[in-house]
């Protein structure tokens, strides 16, 4: 008996009991579909966040006031004993391996031009922000080099903010009012898109020295440090921690976050969630495997005389084993393919319904789904197939 005959005979046995076969496949189908759908969402989210963070480069280190391990809210709301200062920023800039340092103060404020007004995020930064953040200026220039403790009333607008306020009219050389203060527009940024749902293009940039009184602050909300080489991130982060601890009288009252560390943490979280999803799918697969085992056992009992006849006319135990293993494998594989199609189809429907939701199905998941389905079928069908192969032909022919 050649393989083609084995598969054909097994398929006829499955289609001969369509309703029972479909119910048996159901557990495999649900398990594969749920795993494909949920892991596609998880993998899409991981790639989305990875893309969002790496658009600013992978050499950035962020310093924020407050320690994440302590209770309370760090930053502007909770405050710390030693808030981050411009002097801290200047000290960090002198460390070996540091390429750029950007002090950050931000908040929302109305930006007005003529009769138009728009409430957006305003970032108080220094001239080196575009280099550190991988931003580009499309028209004009960014904020000029100056003492971070003093700044001229100059502003750079994001492209969306410029379009909303000025339309197609030129904005360079015009004055806008931010939180009631007058600023001269000297540049328009290149489009950058969104970052974790925040529209970066709909924002403005002013000198940090003017942003601090504008938002009633005496300290910085963040200091971004650009490391000259990605291999130095851990070394520079350790130096930063020692320096700031010394400057804050031995207090470890700040949080240093590297992009690589943040991405590794995110990756671990998503992998843990994916493992939990796989566990849930495995339960469905187990139910499906038990269903196949039960059906195949019943099938062997129902077809005992058929097995006896096959052996009487020359079928070997190995051929009988292959026949029933093929039947179990086809049941499971068909269920896996249906589950795969359902999972991928639901993923695409979800993408169409919610375009902002990242969904990505890696090819390796598809291959694994098929392989696992086939493996489940072979394992669950082995015992019934072995029982069929070991039946005595005389006793089998006499069975009712």
Protein backbone atom coordinates (compact mmCIF):
# COMPACT_ATOMS: atom_id res chain seq x y z
CA UNK A 1 0.00 0.00 0.00
CA UNK A 2 1.58 3.26 -1.15
CA UNK A 3 1.31 6.55 0.76
CA UNK A 4 -1.22 7.98 -1.68
CA UNK A 5 -3.56 5.03 -1.07
CA UNK A 6 -3.15 5.39 2.70
CA UNK A 7 -4.07 9.09 2.61
CA UNK A 8 -6.99 8.49 0.23
CA UNK A 9 -8.42 5.72 2.39
CA UNK A 10 -7.96 7.80 5.58
CA UNK A 11 -9.69 10.79 3.99
CA UNK A 12 -12.66 8.66 2.96
CA UNK A 13 -12.97 7.43 6.55
CA UNK A 14 -13.03 11.02 7.79
CA UNK A 15 -15.57 12.28 5.23
CA UNK A 16 -17.73 9.23 5.90
CA UNK A 17 -18.52 10.68 9.35
CA UNK A 18 -18.53 14.41 8.59
CA UNK A 19 -20.35 15.65 11.67
CA UNK A 20 -18.27 13.59 14.08
CA UNK A 21 -15.06 14.59 12.31
CA UNK A 22 -15.92 18.30 12.43
CA UNK A 23 -16.68 18.14 16.14
CA UNK A 24 -13.37 16.33 16.70
CA UNK A 25 -11.46 19.01 14.78
CA UNK A 26 -13.13 21.83 16.70
CA UNK A 27 -10.74 21.79 19.67
CA UNK A 28 -7.68 21.91 17.38
CA UNK A 29 -9.26 24.68 15.29
CA UNK A 30 -10.09 26.87 18.31
CA UNK A 31 -6.66 26.33 19.86
CA UNK A 32 -4.71 27.22 16.70
CA UNK A 33 -6.99 30.19 15.86
CA UNK A 34 -6.67 31.70 19.35
CA UNK A 35 -2.90 31.31 19.42
CA UNK A 36 -2.47 32.79 15.92
CA UNK A 37 -4.77 35.74 16.64
CA UNK A 38 -3.38 36.70 20.04
CA UNK A 39 0.28 36.15 19.17
CA UNK A 40 -0.21 38.20 15.99
CA UNK A 41 -1.50 41.09 18.10
CA UNK A 42 1.38 40.66 20.57
CA UNK A 43 4.05 40.49 17.87
CA UNK A 44 2.52 43.46 16.05
CA UNK A 45 2.53 45.47 19.27
CA UNK A 46 6.16 44.56 19.92
CA UNK A 47 7.24 45.65 16.44
CA UNK A 48 5.15 48.83 16.71
CA UNK A 49 6.70 49.90 20.02
CA UNK A 50 10.17 48.93 18.77
CA UNK A 51 9.69 51.13 15.71
CA UNK A 52 8.33 53.98 17.83
CA UNK A 53 11.34 54.03 20.14
CA UNK A 54 14.05 53.40 17.57
CA UNK A 55 12.92 56.37 15.46
CA UNK A 56 14.79 58.46 18.04
CA UNK A 57 17.87 56.24 17.83
CA UNK A 58 19.07 53.59 20.25
CA UNK A 59 21.79 55.63 21.96
CA UNK A 60 19.53 57.76 24.15
CA UNK A 61 19.49 57.65 27.95
CA UNK A 62 16.73 59.46 29.83
CA UNK A 63 17.07 60.79 33.37
CA UNK A 64 13.90 61.62 35.30
CA UNK A 65 13.45 62.96 38.82
CA UNK A 66 12.20 60.53 41.42
CA UNK A 67 12.94 56.86 41.99
CA UNK A 68 10.48 54.41 40.47
CA UNK A 69 10.92 51.98 43.39
CA UNK A 70 9.68 54.51 45.96
CA UNK A 71 6.07 55.37 46.66
CA UNK A 72 4.49 58.53 45.38
CA UNK A 73 4.50 60.15 41.98
CA UNK A 74 7.85 61.34 40.59
CA UNK A 75 8.35 64.44 38.49
CA UNK A 76 6.17 67.49 38.39
CA UNK A 77 3.41 66.14 40.61
CA UNK A 78 5.28 64.37 43.40
CA UNK A 79 8.60 66.21 43.36
CA UNK A 80 11.87 65.01 44.90
CA UNK A 81 14.30 66.25 47.52
CA UNK A 82 16.82 67.15 44.79
CA UNK A 83 15.07 67.98 41.50
CA UNK A 84 17.02 67.85 38.29
CA UNK A 85 18.64 71.17 37.42
CA UNK A 86 20.42 72.81 34.52
CA UNK A 87 23.63 72.37 36.51
CA UNK A 88 23.01 68.60 36.56
CA UNK A 89 22.56 68.72 32.81
CA UNK A 90 25.84 70.60 32.31
CA UNK A 91 27.69 68.15 34.57
CA UNK A 92 26.34 65.20 32.61
CA UNK A 93 27.50 66.81 29.38
CA UNK A 94 31.10 66.71 30.58
CA UNK A 95 31.14 62.93 31.11
CA UNK A 96 33.29 60.81 28.75
CA UNK A 97 31.22 59.08 26.08
CA UNK A 98 28.44 61.69 26.12
CA UNK A 99 27.78 63.30 22.74
CA UNK A 100 24.78 65.56 23.43
CA UNK A 101 22.69 66.52 26.45
CA UNK A 102 19.18 67.95 26.15
CA UNK A 103 17.30 69.44 29.12
CA UNK A 104 13.52 69.03 28.78
CA UNK A 105 10.65 70.99 30.26
CA UNK A 106 7.25 70.45 28.69
CA UNK A 107 3.61 71.23 29.11
CA UNK A 108 0.48 72.14 27.20
CA UNK A 109 -0.32 75.73 26.37
CA UNK A 110 -2.39 77.65 23.82
CA UNK A 111 -0.48 78.83 20.76
CA UNK A 112 -2.16 81.78 19.07
CA UNK A 113 -1.75 83.50 15.73
CA UNK A 114 -4.26 86.10 14.71
CA UNK A 115 -7.69 84.74 15.54
CA UNK A 116 -6.56 81.14 15.54
CA UNK A 117 -5.56 79.27 18.69
CA UNK A 118 -4.43 75.69 19.29
CA UNK A 119 -3.68 73.98 22.59
CA UNK A 120 -0.58 71.80 22.06
CA UNK A 121 2.52 70.44 23.78
CA UNK A 122 5.34 72.95 24.12
CA UNK A 123 8.86 71.59 24.67
CA UNK A 124 11.53 73.66 26.34
CA UNK A 125 14.86 72.40 24.96
CA UNK A 126 18.25 73.57 23.73
CA UNK A 127 19.79 73.88 20.28
CA UNK A 128 21.07 70.30 20.17
CA UNK A 129 17.64 68.64 20.50
CA UNK A 130 17.38 67.81 16.74
CA UNK A 131 20.75 66.00 16.83
CA UNK A 132 19.86 64.03 19.95
CA UNK A 133 16.31 63.16 18.88
CA UNK A 134 16.96 62.64 15.16
CA UNK A 135 14.69 65.53 14.23
CA UNK A 136 15.13 67.59 11.09
CA UNK A 137 14.24 71.19 10.31
CA UNK A 138 12.36 71.59 7.04
CA UNK A 139 12.26 75.37 6.81
CA UNK A 140 14.39 77.96 8.58
CA UNK A 141 16.53 76.84 11.53
CA UNK A 142 16.21 75.43 15.01
CA UNK A 143 16.86 77.35 18.21
CA UNK A 144 20.31 78.96 18.20
CA UNK A 145 23.18 77.98 20.48
CA UNK A 146 22.95 79.98 23.68
CA UNK A 147 23.41 79.82 27.43
CA UNK A 148 20.73 77.36 28.69
CA UNK A 149 20.11 79.74 31.61
CA UNK A 150 19.04 82.49 29.21
CA UNK A 151 17.13 82.42 25.97
CA UNK A 152 15.66 84.69 23.34
CA UNK A 153 11.88 84.51 22.67
CA UNK A 154 12.20 82.28 19.61
CA UNK A 155 10.00 79.37 18.61
CA UNK A 156 10.07 76.45 16.19
CA UNK A 157 6.78 74.93 15.13
CA UNK A 158 5.85 71.38 14.21
CA UNK A 159 4.50 71.03 10.64
CA UNK A 160 0.93 70.28 11.75
CA UNK A 161 0.87 73.21 14.17
CA UNK A 162 2.18 75.50 11.45
CA UNK A 163 -0.46 74.25 9.00
CA UNK A 164 -3.29 74.70 11.50
CA UNK A 165 -2.27 78.25 12.39
CA UNK A 166 -0.89 79.60 9.11
CA UNK A 167 -2.30 77.35 6.40
CA UNK A 168 -0.23 77.81 3.24
CA UNK A 169 1.04 81.24 4.30
CA UNK A 170 4.71 81.53 5.37
CA UNK A 171 5.32 81.40 9.11
CA UNK A 172 8.98 82.40 9.32
CA UNK A 173 9.41 85.89 10.74
CA UNK A 174 5.88 85.92 12.15
CA UNK A 175 5.07 86.15 15.85
CA UNK A 176 2.91 83.74 17.80
CA UNK A 177 1.76 83.88 21.39
CA UNK A 178 2.40 80.89 23.66
CA UNK A 179 0.63 81.02 27.01
CA UNK A 180 0.28 84.74 26.45
CA UNK A 181 3.97 85.38 25.66
CA UNK A 182 5.21 86.57 22.28
CA UNK A 183 7.65 84.40 20.29
CA UNK A 184 9.29 84.87 16.89
CA UNK A 185 8.95 81.84 14.58
CA UNK A 186 12.40 80.90 13.22
CA UNK A 187 11.82 77.37 11.91
CA UNK A 188 9.41 74.62 10.90
CA UNK A 189 10.25 71.01 11.70
CA UNK A 190 10.13 68.10 9.28
CA UNK A 191 7.21 65.67 9.73
CA UNK A 192 7.96 63.04 12.38
CA UNK A 193 4.59 61.40 12.89
CA UNK A 194 3.28 60.00 16.15
CA UNK A 195 5.01 58.51 19.15
CA UNK A 196 2.84 56.12 21.20
CA UNK A 197 -0.27 58.05 20.17
CA UNK A 198 1.25 61.52 20.73
CA UNK A 199 1.33 63.67 17.60
CA UNK A 200 4.86 65.08 17.58
CA UNK A 201 4.09 67.22 14.54
CA UNK A 202 1.46 69.14 16.51
CA UNK A 203 3.86 70.79 18.96
CA UNK A 204 6.22 73.72 19.45
CA UNK A 205 9.79 74.21 20.72
CA UNK A 206 11.16 77.12 22.74
CA UNK A 207 14.33 77.69 24.79
CA UNK A 208 14.33 75.76 28.07
CA UNK A 209 15.18 78.95 29.99
CA UNK A 210 11.85 80.47 28.89
CA UNK A 211 9.84 77.25 29.24
CA UNK A 212 10.66 76.95 32.96
CA UNK A 213 8.93 80.21 34.01
CA UNK A 214 6.26 79.64 31.35
CA UNK A 215 5.20 76.44 33.14
CA UNK A 216 6.06 77.73 36.64
CA UNK A 217 8.98 75.34 37.14
CA UNK A 218 12.37 75.71 38.76
CA UNK A 219 13.58 72.26 37.72
CA UNK A 220 13.77 69.96 34.70
CA UNK A 221 11.34 67.19 33.94
CA UNK A 222 13.87 65.16 32.01
CA UNK A 223 17.45 65.15 30.79
CA UNK A 224 18.14 63.23 27.60
CA UNK A 225 21.72 62.08 27.06
CA UNK A 226 22.97 60.96 23.65
CA UNK A 227 25.81 58.45 23.93
CA UNK A 228 28.49 58.57 21.25
CA UNK A 229 28.43 54.79 20.74
CA UNK A 230 25.77 52.19 21.56
CA UNK A 231 28.40 49.92 23.10
CA UNK A 232 29.05 52.57 25.77
CA UNK A 233 25.46 52.87 27.01
CA UNK A 234 25.87 50.74 30.13
CA UNK A 235 29.21 52.37 30.99
CA UNK A 236 27.87 55.90 30.54
CA UNK A 237 24.70 55.05 32.50
CA UNK A 238 26.84 53.86 35.43
CA UNK A 239 28.91 57.07 35.31
CA UNK A 240 25.73 59.14 35.22
CA UNK A 241 24.37 57.35 38.27
CA UNK A 242 27.55 57.93 40.27
CA UNK A 243 27.74 61.60 39.24
CA UNK A 244 24.11 62.43 40.06
CA UNK A 245 24.26 60.53 43.35
CA UNK A 246 27.30 62.62 44.38
CA UNK A 247 25.58 65.84 43.28
CA UNK A 248 22.43 64.93 45.22
CA UNK A 249 24.26 64.38 48.51
CA UNK A 250 24.29 60.62 48.17
CA UNK A 251 20.57 60.44 47.42
CA UNK A 252 19.58 58.01 44.66
CA UNK A 253 16.50 60.13 43.91
CA UNK A 254 16.41 59.87 40.13
CA UNK A 255 15.64 57.26 37.48
CA UNK A 256 17.95 56.44 34.59
CA UNK A 257 16.32 54.67 31.65
CA UNK A 258 18.19 53.39 28.64
CA UNK A 259 16.34 52.66 25.43
CA UNK A 260 17.90 49.23 25.15
CA UNK A 261 16.88 48.36 28.70
CA UNK A 262 13.36 49.63 28.10
CA UNK A 263 13.02 47.63 24.89
CA UNK A 264 14.40 44.50 26.57
CA UNK A 265 11.89 44.88 29.39
CA UNK A 266 9.06 45.38 26.93
CA UNK A 267 10.22 42.37 24.94
CA UNK A 268 10.24 40.22 28.10
CA UNK A 269 6.73 41.35 29.05
CA UNK A 270 5.35 40.59 25.59
CA UNK A 271 7.07 37.20 25.53
CA UNK A 272 5.55 36.34 28.93
CA UNK A 273 2.11 37.34 27.63
CA UNK A 274 2.72 35.30 24.47
CA UNK A 275 3.70 32.30 26.58
CA UNK A 276 0.46 32.66 28.55
CA UNK A 277 -1.48 32.81 25.28
CA UNK A 278 0.28 29.68 24.05
CA UNK A 279 -0.65 27.99 27.33
CA UNK A 280 -4.31 28.85 26.79
CA UNK A 281 -4.09 27.53 23.24
CA UNK A 282 -2.38 24.39 24.51
CA UNK A 283 -5.45 23.63 26.65
CA UNK A 284 -7.63 23.75 23.53
CA UNK A 285 -5.14 21.56 21.70
CA UNK A 286 -5.21 19.08 24.60
CA UNK A 287 -8.99 18.97 24.41
CA UNK A 288 -8.69 18.42 20.66
CA UNK A 289 -6.12 15.67 21.17
CA UNK A 290 -8.43 13.88 23.64
CA UNK A 291 -11.24 14.22 21.12
CA UNK A 292 -9.14 12.64 18.37
CA UNK A 293 -8.02 9.85 20.69
CA UNK A 294 -11.63 9.12 21.65
CA UNK A 295 -12.90 9.20 18.08
CA UNK A 296 -10.12 6.97 16.80
CA UNK A 297 -10.72 4.48 19.61
CA UNK A 298 -14.41 4.36 18.73
CA UNK A 299 -13.51 4.05 15.06
CA UNK A 300 -11.29 1.04 15.74
CA UNK A 301 -14.11 -0.63 17.70
CA UNK A 302 -16.63 0.08 14.93
CA UNK A 303 -14.34 -1.22 12.18
CA UNK A 304 -12.95 -4.29 13.90
CA UNK A 305 -14.33 -6.70 11.29
CA UNK A 306 -13.00 -4.45 8.51
CA UNK A 307 -9.55 -4.61 10.10
CA UNK A 308 -9.82 -8.40 10.33
CA UNK A 309 -10.77 -8.62 6.63
CA UNK A 310 -7.85 -6.38 5.63
CA UNK A 311 -5.43 -8.57 7.56
CA UNK A 312 -6.98 -11.74 6.11
CA UNK A 313 -6.28 -10.59 2.55
CA UNK A 314 -2.66 -9.69 3.33
CA UNK A 315 -2.54 -6.28 5.08
CA UNK A 316 0.39 -6.13 7.49
CA UNK A 317 0.19 -4.68 11.03
CA UNK A 318 2.47 -1.88 9.83
CA UNK A 319 0.04 -0.94 7.05
CA UNK A 320 -2.88 -0.93 9.48
CA UNK A 321 -0.84 1.27 11.86
CA UNK A 322 -0.03 3.68 9.01
CA UNK A 323 -3.67 3.83 7.94
CA UNK A 324 -5.03 4.83 11.34
CA UNK A 325 -2.14 7.19 12.06
CA UNK A 326 -2.83 8.89 8.74
CA UNK A 327 -6.49 9.25 9.66
CA UNK A 328 -5.65 10.88 13.02
CA UNK A 329 -3.02 13.12 11.42
CA UNK A 330 -5.41 14.27 8.70
CA UNK A 331 -8.08 15.06 11.30
CA UNK A 332 -5.68 17.18 13.34
CA UNK A 333 -3.97 18.77 10.34
CA UNK A 334 -7.28 19.78 8.79
CA UNK A 335 -8.36 21.30 12.09
CA UNK A 336 -5.04 23.14 12.32
CA UNK A 337 -5.37 24.54 8.78
CA UNK A 338 -8.93 25.69 9.52
CA UNK A 339 -7.72 27.31 12.75
CA UNK A 340 -4.84 28.97 10.92
CA UNK A 341 -7.16 30.40 8.28
CA UNK A 342 -9.57 31.58 10.99
CA UNK A 343 -6.78 33.18 13.04
CA UNK A 344 -5.20 34.98 10.08
CA UNK A 345 -8.62 36.02 8.78
CA UNK A 346 -9.66 37.45 12.16
CA UNK A 347 -6.31 39.26 12.39
CA UNK A 348 -6.89 40.93 9.04
CA UNK A 349 -10.49 41.83 9.90
CA UNK A 350 -9.24 43.33 13.16
CA UNK A 351 -6.66 45.36 11.26
CA UNK A 352 -9.37 46.70 8.93
CA UNK A 353 -11.71 47.48 11.82
CA UNK A 354 -9.01 49.11 13.97
CA UNK A 355 -6.29 50.45 11.62
CA UNK A 356 -4.25 51.78 14.56
CA UNK A 357 -3.98 48.30 16.09
CA UNK A 358 -0.71 46.69 14.99
CA UNK A 359 -1.19 43.10 13.82
CA UNK A 360 1.60 40.98 12.42
CA UNK A 361 1.68 37.21 11.84
CA UNK A 362 5.25 35.93 11.44
CA UNK A 363 5.80 33.06 9.04
CA UNK A 364 7.35 30.99 11.84
CA UNK A 365 4.01 31.01 13.70
CA UNK A 366 2.25 29.63 10.63
CA UNK A 367 4.82 26.85 10.22
CA UNK A 368 4.64 26.02 13.94
CA UNK A 369 0.84 25.88 13.85
CA UNK A 370 0.92 23.32 11.04
CA UNK A 371 3.70 21.32 12.69
CA UNK A 372 2.00 21.26 16.10
CA UNK A 373 -1.31 20.22 14.54
CA UNK A 374 0.35 17.34 12.74
CA UNK A 375 2.24 16.31 15.89
CA UNK A 376 -0.93 16.36 18.01
CA UNK A 377 -2.68 14.12 15.50
CA UNK A 378 0.14 11.59 15.39
CA UNK A 379 0.48 11.44 19.18
CA UNK A 380 -3.21 11.19 19.93
CA UNK A 381 -3.77 8.58 17.22
CA UNK A 382 -0.87 6.32 18.12
CA UNK A 383 -2.58 4.21 20.80
CA UNK A 384 -5.75 3.46 18.76
CA UNK A 385 -3.60 2.78 15.67
CA UNK A 386 -1.38 0.38 17.61
CA UNK A 387 -4.44 -1.40 18.99
CA UNK A 388 -5.81 -1.79 15.46
CA UNK A 389 -2.47 -3.12 14.20
CA UNK A 390 -2.31 -5.75 16.99
CA UNK A 391 -5.81 -7.15 16.50
CA UNK A 392 -5.94 -10.89 15.74
CA UNK A 393 -7.54 -11.28 12.27
CA UNK A 394 -9.61 -14.34 13.27
CA UNK A 395 -11.07 -12.66 16.35
CA UNK A 396 -11.56 -9.44 14.42
CA UNK A 397 -13.52 -11.17 11.64
CA UNK A 398 -15.77 -12.76 14.21
CA UNK A 399 -16.51 -9.46 15.98
CA UNK A 400 -19.90 -7.84 15.56
